[in-house]
């Protein structure tokens, strides 16, 4: 494995704008036909969708070893750790809006999502399946609420507040993913 001081050359697959991850015509985040979102809920959902896609794009084309590669010691952060962490927080957000017993943690005690992000293909496959399942489950539960001001769960959190919190969490971790991916193979872009 290359040491952190042996940085790969910066590169991107984009040809139209060299600082972008992908050319606009190839970017799945641009598939809305050029129309703006209508209304607050649609705007929030589109923003969340785009950050989710960004995270996936930052992980594309990497093997288990690259996905599990830690950033800078002593940090345990890796792209795979971020995927596992976001699956865990999606589940935790479901607990926020639930009135019932909390769902158990996916990966065990605090920070196990990062510590258990090891370079094994089954761990990678499980992490992405967990993330998809937890995203879909929370999306389905939140779809019941068209009023963003309604307060739900034991904590009485407003749906709007939860949506903004989700966007914040993904945006922050997409920034981490930018740096992690550049450390792995030099790929940069939006």
Protein backbone atom coordinates (compact mmCIF):
# COMPACT_ATOMS: atom_id res chain seq x y z
CA UNK A 1 0.00 0.00 0.00
CA UNK A 2 1.20 3.49 -0.86
CA UNK A 3 2.14 5.71 2.10
CA UNK A 4 0.20 8.91 2.69
CA UNK A 5 3.20 10.98 1.54
CA UNK A 6 3.05 9.31 -1.88
CA UNK A 7 -0.02 11.14 -3.09
CA UNK A 8 -1.56 10.07 -6.40
CA UNK A 9 -1.85 12.60 -9.19
CA UNK A 10 -5.13 14.52 -9.19
CA UNK A 11 -7.52 13.48 -11.94
CA UNK A 12 -11.16 13.48 -12.97
CA UNK A 13 -13.17 11.79 -15.71
CA UNK A 14 -14.90 15.06 -16.60
CA UNK A 15 -13.94 16.64 -19.91
CA UNK A 16 -16.24 19.66 -20.05
CA UNK A 17 -15.31 21.14 -16.67
CA UNK A 18 -12.03 19.72 -15.34
CA UNK A 19 -12.92 20.39 -11.70
CA UNK A 20 -16.09 18.27 -11.83
CA UNK A 21 -16.53 14.61 -10.97
CA UNK A 22 -18.50 13.86 -14.13
CA UNK A 23 -19.62 15.75 -17.18
CA UNK A 24 -23.06 17.33 -16.66
CA UNK A 25 -24.72 15.03 -19.21
CA UNK A 26 -23.36 11.96 -17.38
CA UNK A 27 -24.08 13.14 -13.85
CA UNK A 28 -27.03 11.23 -12.31
CA UNK A 29 -27.70 14.19 -10.03
CA UNK A 30 -28.74 16.20 -13.10
CA UNK A 31 -31.57 13.90 -14.18
CA UNK A 32 -34.47 16.21 -13.30
CA UNK A 33 -34.86 17.39 -16.91
CA UNK A 34 -33.64 20.89 -16.09
CA UNK A 35 -36.66 21.75 -13.95
CA UNK A 36 -36.40 23.11 -10.45
CA UNK A 37 -38.00 21.34 -7.53
CA UNK A 38 -41.51 22.56 -6.69
CA UNK A 39 -42.10 23.26 -3.04
CA UNK A 40 -40.19 22.84 0.18
CA UNK A 41 -40.64 19.08 0.57
CA UNK A 42 -39.52 18.32 -2.98
CA UNK A 43 -36.53 20.64 -2.58
CA UNK A 44 -35.44 18.88 0.62
CA UNK A 45 -35.95 15.43 -0.92
CA UNK A 46 -33.96 16.38 -4.02
CA UNK A 47 -31.11 17.77 -1.93
CA UNK A 48 -30.96 14.59 0.13
CA UNK A 49 -31.10 12.42 -3.01
CA UNK A 50 -28.21 14.34 -4.55
CA UNK A 51 -25.98 13.95 -1.48
CA UNK A 52 -26.80 10.24 -1.33
CA UNK A 53 -25.81 9.91 -4.98
CA UNK A 54 -22.63 11.89 -4.35
CA UNK A 55 -21.57 9.47 -1.63
CA UNK A 56 -22.18 6.51 -3.95
CA UNK A 57 -20.27 8.20 -6.76
CA UNK A 58 -17.29 8.77 -4.47
CA UNK A 59 -17.25 5.04 -3.72
CA UNK A 60 -17.71 3.82 -7.32
CA UNK A 61 -15.00 1.73 -8.90
CA UNK A 62 -13.11 0.99 -5.71
CA UNK A 63 -12.39 -2.45 -4.31
CA UNK A 64 -12.85 -3.47 -0.67
CA UNK A 65 -9.28 -2.52 0.20
CA UNK A 66 -9.64 0.99 -1.15
CA UNK A 67 -13.04 1.49 0.47
CA UNK A 68 -11.68 0.39 3.86
CA UNK A 69 -8.51 2.50 3.60
CA UNK A 70 -8.17 4.78 6.62
CA UNK A 71 -7.52 8.46 6.07
CA UNK A 72 -4.79 9.70 8.40
CA UNK A 73 -3.80 7.93 11.62
CA UNK A 74 -5.18 7.82 14.25
CA UNK A 75 -8.47 8.42 12.42
CA UNK A 76 -10.63 5.38 11.72
CA UNK A 77 -12.47 7.19 8.92
CA UNK A 78 -12.77 5.45 5.55
CA UNK A 79 -15.27 5.49 2.71
CA UNK A 80 -16.61 2.13 3.90
CA UNK A 81 -16.83 3.48 7.44
CA UNK A 82 -18.87 6.42 6.17
CA UNK A 83 -21.30 4.08 4.39
CA UNK A 84 -21.70 2.01 7.57
CA UNK A 85 -22.01 5.15 9.70
CA UNK A 86 -24.76 6.58 7.48
CA UNK A 87 -26.65 3.28 7.59
CA UNK A 88 -26.42 3.47 11.37
CA UNK A 89 -27.64 7.06 11.56
CA UNK A 90 -30.52 6.39 9.14
CA UNK A 91 -31.61 3.67 11.58
CA UNK A 92 -31.13 6.02 14.51
CA UNK A 93 -33.30 8.66 12.82
CA UNK A 94 -36.03 6.02 12.52
CA UNK A 95 -35.76 5.66 16.29
CA UNK A 96 -36.21 9.43 16.64
CA UNK A 97 -39.61 9.32 14.92
CA UNK A 98 -40.79 6.09 16.51
CA UNK A 99 -43.08 5.83 19.50
CA UNK A 100 -42.09 2.19 20.11
CA UNK A 101 -39.01 0.39 21.31
CA UNK A 102 -35.81 1.59 19.61
CA UNK A 103 -34.31 -0.57 16.90
CA UNK A 104 -30.94 -2.09 17.88
CA UNK A 105 -27.72 -0.68 16.50
CA UNK A 106 -26.57 -2.30 13.27
CA UNK A 107 -22.89 -2.62 14.07
CA UNK A 108 -22.66 -2.69 17.83
CA UNK A 109 -21.28 -0.13 20.27
CA UNK A 110 -20.37 3.47 19.45
CA UNK A 111 -17.87 3.78 16.58
CA UNK A 112 -18.13 0.10 15.65
CA UNK A 113 -19.40 1.31 12.27
CA UNK A 114 -15.92 2.74 11.60
CA UNK A 115 -13.84 0.16 13.51
CA UNK A 116 -15.52 -2.75 11.71
CA UNK A 117 -15.01 -1.28 8.23
CA UNK A 118 -12.50 -3.89 7.10
CA UNK A 119 -11.32 -4.77 3.60
CA UNK A 120 -13.63 -7.74 2.99
CA UNK A 121 -16.11 -7.84 0.12
CA UNK A 122 -18.87 -9.29 2.33
CA UNK A 123 -18.48 -6.33 4.70
CA UNK A 124 -18.73 -3.94 1.73
CA UNK A 125 -21.79 -5.69 0.29
CA UNK A 126 -23.50 -5.77 3.67
CA UNK A 127 -22.77 -2.09 4.30
CA UNK A 128 -24.31 -0.95 1.01
CA UNK A 129 -27.32 -3.26 1.51
CA UNK A 130 -27.78 -1.92 5.05
CA UNK A 131 -27.60 1.66 3.81
CA UNK A 132 -30.16 1.09 1.06
CA UNK A 133 -32.52 -0.72 3.42
CA UNK A 134 -32.30 1.91 6.16
CA UNK A 135 -32.72 4.79 3.70
CA UNK A 136 -35.78 3.16 2.14
CA UNK A 137 -37.33 2.37 5.53
CA UNK A 138 -36.97 5.92 6.85
CA UNK A 139 -38.10 7.41 3.54
CA UNK A 140 -41.22 5.25 3.65
CA UNK A 141 -42.01 6.27 7.23
CA UNK A 142 -41.50 9.97 6.47
CA UNK A 143 -43.64 9.74 3.31
CA UNK A 144 -46.65 9.55 5.63
CA UNK A 145 -46.06 13.20 6.59
CA UNK A 146 -46.71 15.85 3.97
CA UNK A 147 -46.78 18.58 6.62
CA UNK A 148 -43.15 19.38 7.40
CA UNK A 149 -44.15 21.11 10.62
CA UNK A 150 -45.70 18.02 12.20
CA UNK A 151 -43.81 16.81 15.26
CA UNK A 152 -43.22 13.08 15.55
CA UNK A 153 -41.76 10.48 17.90
CA UNK A 154 -40.96 10.62 21.57
CA UNK A 155 -38.73 13.66 21.05
CA UNK A 156 -41.45 15.49 19.08
CA UNK A 157 -39.02 16.45 16.33
CA UNK A 158 -40.47 18.36 13.37
CA UNK A 159 -40.24 16.49 10.08
CA UNK A 160 -38.62 19.59 8.53
CA UNK A 161 -35.92 19.60 11.21
CA UNK A 162 -35.19 15.92 10.59
CA UNK A 163 -34.98 16.46 6.82
CA UNK A 164 -32.53 19.35 7.26
CA UNK A 165 -30.52 17.32 9.76
CA UNK A 166 -30.28 14.45 7.26
CA UNK A 167 -29.06 16.78 4.52
CA UNK A 168 -26.49 18.29 6.89
CA UNK A 169 -25.19 14.86 7.86
CA UNK A 170 -24.82 13.67 4.27
CA UNK A 171 -23.27 16.97 3.13
CA UNK A 172 -20.66 16.85 5.89
CA UNK A 173 -19.75 13.26 5.11
CA UNK A 174 -19.65 13.90 1.36
CA UNK A 175 -16.94 16.45 2.15
CA UNK A 176 -15.06 13.74 4.01
CA UNK A 177 -15.63 11.39 1.06
CA UNK A 178 -14.07 13.95 -1.30
CA UNK A 179 -10.85 13.91 0.69
CA UNK A 180 -10.87 10.17 1.27
CA UNK A 181 -11.31 9.44 -2.43
CA UNK A 182 -8.54 11.83 -3.39
CA UNK A 183 -6.23 10.04 -0.93
CA UNK A 184 -7.08 6.67 -2.48
CA UNK A 185 -6.55 7.38 -6.16
CA UNK A 186 -6.34 11.13 -6.74
CA UNK A 187 -9.82 11.50 -8.18
CA UNK A 188 -11.33 14.91 -7.45
CA UNK A 189 -14.42 16.87 -8.33
CA UNK A 190 -17.81 18.03 -7.14
